[in-house]
């Protein structure tokens, strides 16, 4: 067996083991996890709604995110001074703050919708300056809360794990396990944070269409559920690991978080090549939006042009969504052509799918169609849009 074959076999075994863990341990845990946090969310939201006039404008989700992140300084200071109870309480409070900022974010979204309706009524008939943001600016502003929340989680917990490396005993039968778990989490979450930074600052301004009738992941657990379970295990595990009497309980929870951190990182690294037909009379905002949507479905976008028209090739090259252009591409695409250029899926619009894609490509499920309501489905499938 070659080195590549051996590595592939190891990764397949690792992925299969993680999937068994997700389906048989994490999935049942998430049922209880979701019930508890749903009840907590209902309780807190009721409190906010009943006291909405007393909540200051500065008490936002981002304020909570920043405030709980700064707590890493006193937490590490206390741990370095050999304190245990106070750092543990800080970590528990930070975990609660991570939940609270989501509740506060949804509360202010609802409040802004109410205020927007009232403002629209007040300004009817008056001159109003119409200023619109660009696609990229609007998309980054929309995604900023989720981005900074995830990054700040890592900014808090990774330094705590680095500090906890100093608490690992010089001897003992679990010494190696403690080092292995802590270093694995440090490296995995550090890599995950780097990927989030790249994804946020390279966003192309358009939300990727929702996929119906096709699941790129065959996992039994959704990505957001994995993130919730990982966060709980990491924060509770860290808090208990700090406390000497509960150190081994914390180690068990942190160990349970390792497969989740691996799976979360693996799903962020999506190597999926998308192909679109770029033979168009003109590149307008609709074409650019379509390319941006297609790029959001994968990690690389190839545009095929069936001629060598210089203007057409230059216009495609000028788009930040396009990674490469194939000049004189075939008008009708086949599986052999996709395999030759390393493409996973062809993405088409509703109007041009039949003329571009061969029947063998459709039968293989390698063609996706973006429909008008910003959803995407395999060509030839009948998906209920109300799903």
Protein backbone atom coordinates (compact mmCIF):
# COMPACT_ATOMS: atom_id res chain seq x y z
CA UNK A 1 0.00 0.00 0.00
CA UNK A 2 1.31 3.47 -0.94
CA UNK A 3 1.66 6.34 1.54
CA UNK A 4 -1.37 8.12 0.04
CA UNK A 5 -3.41 4.93 0.27
CA UNK A 6 -2.39 4.38 3.88
CA UNK A 7 -3.21 7.98 4.80
CA UNK A 8 -6.58 7.70 3.06
CA UNK A 9 -7.36 4.47 4.93
CA UNK A 10 -6.46 6.08 8.28
CA UNK A 11 -8.62 9.14 7.57
CA UNK A 12 -11.54 6.95 6.50
CA UNK A 13 -11.25 4.91 9.70
CA UNK A 14 -11.03 8.10 11.77
CA UNK A 15 -14.05 9.64 10.03
CA UNK A 16 -16.09 6.45 10.47
CA UNK A 17 -15.22 6.28 14.17
CA UNK A 18 -16.18 9.92 14.69
CA UNK A 19 -19.48 9.38 12.87
CA UNK A 20 -20.34 6.40 15.11
CA UNK A 21 -19.56 8.62 18.11
CA UNK A 22 -21.80 11.40 16.75
CA UNK A 23 -24.72 9.12 15.96
CA UNK A 24 -24.71 7.03 19.14
CA UNK A 25 -23.48 9.41 21.87
CA UNK A 26 -23.76 13.01 20.73
CA UNK A 27 -27.14 12.79 19.01
CA UNK A 28 -28.98 11.47 22.12
CA UNK A 29 -27.16 14.05 24.27
CA UNK A 30 -28.36 16.84 21.99
CA UNK A 31 -31.99 15.99 22.69
CA UNK A 32 -31.57 16.87 26.37
CA UNK A 33 -29.25 19.76 25.52
CA UNK A 34 -31.81 21.31 23.18
CA UNK A 35 -34.71 20.92 25.63
CA UNK A 36 -32.78 22.61 28.44
CA UNK A 37 -31.56 25.56 26.37
CA UNK A 38 -34.94 25.98 24.68
CA UNK A 39 -36.59 26.32 28.11
CA UNK A 40 -33.86 28.72 29.23
CA UNK A 41 -34.27 30.76 26.05
CA UNK A 42 -38.04 31.02 26.59
CA UNK A 43 -37.55 32.17 30.18
CA UNK A 44 -34.93 34.81 29.36
CA UNK A 45 -36.82 36.07 26.31
CA UNK A 46 -39.92 36.51 28.46
CA UNK A 47 -37.92 38.59 30.93
CA UNK A 48 -36.55 40.80 28.14
CA UNK A 49 -39.98 41.30 26.55
CA UNK A 50 -41.57 42.22 29.90
CA UNK A 51 -38.83 44.76 30.68
CA UNK A 52 -38.01 45.97 27.17
CA UNK A 53 -38.31 49.66 28.13
CA UNK A 54 -35.71 49.21 30.89
CA UNK A 55 -33.02 47.56 28.75
CA UNK A 56 -30.36 50.12 27.70
CA UNK A 57 -29.45 50.43 24.02
CA UNK A 58 -25.80 49.62 24.72
CA UNK A 59 -26.72 46.17 26.09
CA UNK A 60 -26.24 44.39 22.78
CA UNK A 61 -25.06 40.92 21.78
CA UNK A 62 -21.69 42.30 20.67
CA UNK A 63 -21.27 44.09 24.02
CA UNK A 64 -21.80 40.78 25.85
CA UNK A 65 -19.39 39.03 23.48
CA UNK A 66 -16.64 41.59 24.04
CA UNK A 67 -17.24 41.71 27.81
CA UNK A 68 -17.01 37.95 28.29
CA UNK A 69 -13.88 37.78 26.12
CA UNK A 70 -12.03 40.31 28.29
CA UNK A 71 -12.66 38.02 31.25
CA UNK A 72 -9.82 35.85 29.94
CA UNK A 73 -7.36 38.30 31.57
CA UNK A 74 -8.55 37.90 35.20
CA UNK A 75 -9.18 34.19 34.58
CA UNK A 76 -5.59 33.50 33.52
CA UNK A 77 -4.21 35.79 36.22
CA UNK A 78 -6.10 33.87 38.90
CA UNK A 79 -5.05 30.49 37.49
CA UNK A 80 -1.41 31.58 37.52
CA UNK A 81 -1.86 32.51 41.18
CA UNK A 82 -3.06 28.93 41.86
CA UNK A 83 -6.70 29.96 42.40
CA UNK A 84 -9.25 27.44 41.23
CA UNK A 85 -12.80 28.35 42.30
CA UNK A 86 -12.91 31.89 40.89
CA UNK A 87 -11.47 30.93 37.47
CA UNK A 88 -13.95 28.06 37.27
CA UNK A 89 -16.85 30.41 38.03
CA UNK A 90 -15.58 32.85 35.40
CA UNK A 91 -15.53 30.09 32.78
CA UNK A 92 -19.09 29.06 33.67
CA UNK A 93 -20.20 32.70 33.40
CA UNK A 94 -18.52 33.05 30.00
CA UNK A 95 -20.36 29.96 28.76
CA UNK A 96 -23.65 31.44 29.96
CA UNK A 97 -22.74 34.72 28.25
CA UNK A 98 -22.24 32.82 25.00
CA UNK A 99 -25.85 31.66 25.25
CA UNK A 100 -27.13 35.04 26.46
CA UNK A 101 -25.76 37.02 23.53
CA UNK A 102 -27.85 34.92 21.15
CA UNK A 103 -31.01 35.70 23.12
CA UNK A 104 -30.14 39.41 23.21
CA UNK A 105 -29.37 39.45 19.46
CA UNK A 106 -32.79 38.00 18.59
CA UNK A 107 -34.47 40.44 21.00
CA UNK A 108 -32.91 43.50 19.34
CA UNK A 109 -33.66 42.18 15.85
CA UNK A 110 -37.36 42.05 16.76
CA UNK A 111 -37.17 45.51 18.37
CA UNK A 112 -35.53 47.01 15.27
CA UNK A 113 -38.25 45.56 13.05
CA UNK A 114 -40.90 47.24 15.22
CA UNK A 115 -38.96 50.53 15.18
CA UNK A 116 -38.48 50.33 11.40
CA UNK A 117 -42.24 50.03 10.86
CA UNK A 118 -42.87 53.04 13.12
CA UNK A 119 -40.14 55.07 11.40
CA UNK A 120 -41.56 54.26 7.97
CA UNK A 121 -44.96 55.59 9.06
CA UNK A 122 -43.41 58.79 10.48
CA UNK A 123 -41.38 59.58 7.36
CA UNK A 124 -44.10 59.02 4.75
CA UNK A 125 -44.36 62.05 2.53
CA UNK A 126 -41.00 63.45 3.68
CA UNK A 127 -37.75 63.66 1.77
CA UNK A 128 -35.50 60.81 2.78
CA UNK A 129 -31.92 60.24 1.66
CA UNK A 130 -31.58 56.76 0.14
CA UNK A 131 -28.13 55.33 0.85
CA UNK A 132 -27.48 51.66 0.13
CA UNK A 133 -24.57 49.50 1.15
CA UNK A 134 -22.62 47.39 -1.31
CA UNK A 135 -23.28 43.65 -1.34
CA UNK A 136 -20.03 42.82 0.44
CA UNK A 137 -20.42 45.48 3.15
CA UNK A 138 -24.03 44.46 3.81
CA UNK A 139 -23.11 40.75 3.96
CA UNK A 140 -20.22 41.32 6.36
CA UNK A 141 -22.35 43.51 8.60
CA UNK A 142 -25.04 40.81 8.62
CA UNK A 143 -22.56 38.06 9.48
CA UNK A 144 -20.38 40.05 11.90
CA UNK A 145 -22.21 38.99 15.06
CA UNK A 146 -21.86 35.27 14.38
CA UNK A 147 -18.26 35.69 13.21
CA UNK A 148 -17.05 37.66 16.23
CA UNK A 149 -18.95 35.41 18.63
CA UNK A 150 -17.21 32.28 17.33
CA UNK A 151 -13.78 33.93 17.23
CA UNK A 152 -14.11 35.35 20.75
CA UNK A 153 -15.00 31.89 22.07
CA UNK A 154 -11.59 30.71 20.90
CA UNK A 155 -9.82 33.89 22.09
CA UNK A 156 -11.04 33.07 25.60
CA UNK A 157 -10.69 29.30 25.82
CA UNK A 158 -7.42 28.68 23.92
CA UNK A 159 -5.28 30.83 26.30
CA UNK A 160 -6.95 29.03 29.21
CA UNK A 161 -5.88 25.66 27.77
CA UNK A 162 -2.33 26.92 27.24
CA UNK A 163 -2.28 28.05 30.88
CA UNK A 164 -3.65 24.66 32.00
CA UNK A 165 -0.72 22.87 30.34
CA UNK A 166 1.34 24.06 33.32
CA UNK A 167 -0.99 22.20 35.69
CA UNK A 168 -0.36 18.80 34.12
CA UNK A 169 1.62 16.69 36.64
CA UNK A 170 5.14 15.55 35.82
CA UNK A 171 4.17 11.94 36.42
CA UNK A 172 1.03 9.83 36.43
CA UNK A 173 -0.78 7.42 34.16
CA UNK A 174 -3.03 10.13 32.63
CA UNK A 175 -0.26 12.70 32.08
CA UNK A 176 0.10 11.87 28.38
CA UNK A 177 -3.66 11.94 27.85
CA UNK A 178 -3.94 15.40 29.41
CA UNK A 179 -1.20 16.79 27.18
CA UNK A 180 -2.67 15.11 24.11
CA UNK A 181 -6.21 16.40 24.73
CA UNK A 182 -5.17 19.97 25.53
CA UNK A 183 -2.75 20.30 22.61
CA UNK A 184 -5.25 18.75 20.19
CA UNK A 185 -7.93 21.24 21.22
CA UNK A 186 -5.49 24.18 21.10
CA UNK A 187 -4.33 23.35 17.57
CA UNK A 188 -7.76 22.40 16.25
CA UNK A 189 -9.57 25.48 17.57
CA UNK A 190 -6.68 27.70 16.48
CA UNK A 191 -6.99 26.35 12.94
CA UNK A 192 -10.76 26.71 13.07
CA UNK A 193 -10.45 30.37 14.07
CA UNK A 194 -8.05 31.03 11.18
CA UNK A 195 -10.50 29.48 8.71
CA UNK A 196 -13.32 31.65 10.08
CA UNK A 197 -11.20 34.78 9.61
CA UNK A 198 -10.45 33.84 6.02
CA UNK A 199 -14.09 32.97 5.27
CA UNK A 200 -15.38 36.23 6.74
CA UNK A 201 -12.95 38.56 4.99
CA UNK A 202 -13.17 36.72 1.67
CA UNK A 203 -16.98 36.62 1.60
CA UNK A 204 -18.30 37.67 -1.80
CA UNK A 205 -21.40 39.54 -0.63
CA UNK A 206 -24.13 37.01 -1.46
CA UNK A 207 -25.54 34.28 0.75
CA UNK A 208 -25.11 30.79 -0.67
CA UNK A 209 -28.44 29.26 -1.75
CA UNK A 210 -30.10 26.74 0.54
CA UNK A 211 -29.68 23.23 -0.84
CA UNK A 212 -32.81 21.07 -1.13
CA UNK A 213 -32.77 17.37 -1.87
CA UNK A 214 -29.01 16.97 -1.44
CA UNK A 215 -26.88 16.73 1.67
CA UNK A 216 -23.18 17.34 1.08
CA UNK A 217 -22.56 15.79 4.49
CA UNK A 218 -23.68 12.23 5.21
CA UNK A 219 -23.43 12.80 8.95
CA UNK A 220 -26.24 12.02 11.37
CA UNK A 221 -25.69 15.32 13.19
CA UNK A 222 -25.98 18.81 11.71
CA UNK A 223 -23.03 21.21 11.81
CA UNK A 224 -24.69 23.72 14.15
CA UNK A 225 -25.60 20.92 16.58
CA UNK A 226 -22.00 19.75 16.61
CA UNK A 227 -20.93 23.29 17.47
CA UNK A 228 -23.38 23.47 20.39
CA UNK A 229 -22.24 20.16 21.86
CA UNK A 230 -18.56 21.04 21.34
CA UNK A 231 -18.99 24.38 23.09
CA UNK A 232 -20.69 22.77 26.08
CA UNK A 233 -18.08 20.03 26.48
CA UNK A 234 -15.18 22.47 26.07
CA UNK A 235 -16.42 25.10 28.52
CA UNK A 236 -17.73 22.73 31.19
CA UNK A 237 -14.67 20.52 30.77
CA UNK A 238 -12.33 23.48 31.21
CA UNK A 239 -14.23 24.75 34.26
CA UNK A 240 -14.10 21.35 35.96
CA UNK A 241 -10.48 20.74 34.90
CA UNK A 242 -9.45 23.85 36.84
CA UNK A 243 -10.98 22.45 40.04
CA UNK A 244 -8.69 19.83 41.56
CA UNK A 245 -11.47 17.58 42.96
CA UNK A 246 -13.19 17.51 39.55
CA UNK A 247 -10.07 17.47 37.36
CA UNK A 248 -10.75 14.01 35.92
CA UNK A 249 -14.39 14.87 35.18
CA UNK A 250 -13.11 17.90 33.28
CA UNK A 251 -10.63 15.71 31.40
CA UNK A 252 -13.43 13.34 30.38
CA UNK A 253 -15.52 16.24 29.02
CA UNK A 254 -12.55 17.75 27.18
CA UNK A 255 -11.75 14.34 25.70
CA UNK A 256 -15.37 14.09 24.55
CA UNK A 257 -14.93 17.46 22.80
CA UNK A 258 -11.92 16.33 20.73
CA UNK A 259 -13.90 14.35 18.07
CA UNK A 260 -16.37 17.24 17.83
CA UNK A 261 -13.57 19.76 17.31
CA UNK A 262 -12.11 17.51 14.61
CA UNK A 263 -15.47 17.10 12.86
CA UNK A 264 -16.19 20.83 13.07
CA UNK A 265 -12.82 21.67 11.52
CA UNK A 266 -13.23 19.03 8.81
CA UNK A 267 -16.57 20.50 7.74
CA UNK A 268 -15.10 23.99 7.49
CA UNK A 269 -12.48 22.73 5.03
CA UNK A 270 -14.80 22.15 2.07
CA UNK A 271 -12.84 21.24 -1.03
CA UNK A 272 -15.62 21.35 -3.59
CA UNK A 273 -15.03 22.60 -7.13
CA UNK A 274 -17.99 24.25 -8.89
CA UNK A 275 -18.36 24.88 -12.63
CA UNK A 276 -20.65 27.40 -14.34
CA UNK A 277 -21.15 28.27 -18.00
CA UNK A 278 -19.85 31.82 -18.49
CA UNK A 279 -20.85 32.24 -22.11
CA UNK A 280 -23.10 35.29 -21.74
CA UNK A 281 -23.72 38.35 -23.91
CA UNK A 282 -22.95 40.72 -21.05
CA UNK A 283 -21.89 40.41 -17.43
CA UNK A 284 -24.45 42.36 -15.41
CA UNK A 285 -25.41 42.30 -11.73
CA UNK A 286 -27.58 39.20 -12.25
CA UNK A 287 -24.66 37.24 -13.73
CA UNK A 288 -22.34 38.41 -10.93
CA UNK A 289 -24.91 37.39 -8.30
CA UNK A 290 -25.29 33.96 -9.92
CA UNK A 291 -21.51 33.43 -9.85
CA UNK A 292 -21.35 34.53 -6.23
CA UNK A 293 -24.11 32.08 -5.31
CA UNK A 294 -22.32 29.28 -7.15
CA UNK A 295 -19.01 30.10 -5.43
CA UNK A 296 -20.80 29.94 -2.05
CA UNK A 297 -21.62 26.28 -2.74
CA UNK A 298 -17.97 25.28 -2.89
CA UNK A 299 -14.38 26.37 -2.40
CA UNK A 300 -13.41 27.00 -6.02
CA UNK A 301 -15.35 28.36 -9.00
CA UNK A 302 -14.42 27.55 -12.60
CA UNK A 303 -16.13 29.50 -15.39
CA UNK A 304 -16.25 27.85 -18.80
CA UNK A 305 -16.51 30.03 -21.92
CA UNK A 306 -17.27 28.30 -25.23
CA UNK A 307 -15.25 30.82 -27.26
CA UNK A 308 -12.01 32.77 -26.99
CA UNK A 309 -13.64 36.21 -27.02
CA UNK A 310 -11.17 38.46 -25.21
CA UNK A 311 -13.74 40.76 -23.62
CA UNK A 312 -15.75 37.83 -22.29
CA UNK A 313 -12.66 36.17 -20.80
CA UNK A 314 -11.39 39.46 -19.34
CA UNK A 315 -14.77 40.24 -17.74
CA UNK A 316 -14.87 36.80 -16.10
CA UNK A 317 -11.28 37.25 -14.90
CA UNK A 318 -12.24 40.55 -13.25
CA UNK A 319 -14.82 38.92 -10.98
CA UNK A 320 -13.54 38.22 -7.44
CA UNK A 321 -15.76 35.12 -7.31
CA UNK A 322 -14.01 33.38 -10.21
CA UNK A 323 -10.89 31.30 -9.56
CA UNK A 324 -10.14 30.17 -13.11
CA UNK A 325 -11.56 30.34 -16.65
CA UNK A 326 -11.58 27.59 -19.26
CA UNK A 327 -11.46 29.09 -22.76
CA UNK A 328 -13.13 27.21 -25.63
CA UNK A 329 -14.96 24.96 -23.19
CA UNK A 330 -17.41 22.41 -24.63
CA UNK A 331 -20.98 23.65 -25.06
CA UNK A 332 -22.35 20.35 -23.70
CA UNK A 333 -20.76 19.08 -20.51
CA UNK A 334 -20.03 15.42 -19.82
CA UNK A 335 -18.78 13.44 -16.84
CA UNK A 336 -15.47 12.74 -18.54
CA UNK A 337 -14.89 16.49 -19.01
CA UNK A 338 -15.67 17.19 -15.34
CA UNK A 339 -13.31 14.44 -14.23
CA UNK A 340 -10.60 15.84 -16.49
CA UNK A 341 -10.72 19.32 -14.91
CA UNK A 342 -11.52 18.10 -11.38
CA UNK A 343 -15.06 19.53 -11.05
CA UNK A 344 -17.51 18.14 -8.49
CA UNK A 345 -20.73 19.91 -9.51
CA UNK A 346 -22.05 22.00 -12.38
CA UNK A 347 -24.32 24.84 -11.28
CA UNK A 348 -26.89 26.19 -13.71
CA UNK A 349 -29.69 28.71 -13.77
CA UNK A 350 -33.28 27.69 -14.42
CA UNK A 351 -33.15 28.78 -18.06
CA UNK A 352 -29.92 27.24 -19.35
CA UNK A 353 -29.62 23.89 -17.56
CA UNK A 354 -30.93 21.72 -20.40
CA UNK A 355 -28.64 23.23 -23.04
CA UNK A 356 -25.44 22.90 -20.99
CA UNK A 357 -25.69 19.57 -19.19
CA UNK A 358 -25.76 16.09 -20.72
CA UNK A 359 -28.26 13.45 -19.61
CA UNK A 360 -25.50 11.31 -18.02
CA UNK A 361 -24.50 14.27 -15.86
CA UNK A 362 -28.08 14.75 -14.71
CA UNK A 363 -28.48 11.04 -13.96
CA UNK A 364 -25.28 11.12 -11.87
CA UNK A 365 -26.65 13.98 -9.75
CA UNK A 366 -23.70 16.22 -10.70
CA UNK A 367 -25.80 19.19 -11.83
CA UNK A 368 -27.37 21.70 -9.40
CA UNK A 369 -29.95 24.28 -10.40
CA UNK A 370 -30.37 27.61 -8.58
CA UNK A 371 -34.03 28.55 -8.66
CA UNK A 372 -35.70 31.91 -8.16
CA UNK A 373 -36.28 31.72 -4.40
CA UNK A 374 -32.53 31.46 -3.67
CA UNK A 375 -32.61 27.71 -3.22
CA UNK A 376 -30.61 25.08 -5.04
CA UNK A 377 -31.63 21.55 -6.00
CA UNK A 378 -30.28 18.66 -8.09
CA UNK A 379 -31.40 18.93 -11.69
CA UNK A 380 -34.41 16.73 -12.41
CA UNK A 381 -35.50 16.45 -8.76
CA UNK A 382 -38.87 17.66 -7.57
CA UNK A 383 -38.48 19.48 -4.26
CA UNK A 384 -41.28 21.00 -2.31
CA UNK A 385 -40.33 24.65 -1.79
CA UNK A 386 -42.32 24.80 1.42
CA UNK A 387 -39.87 22.42 3.13
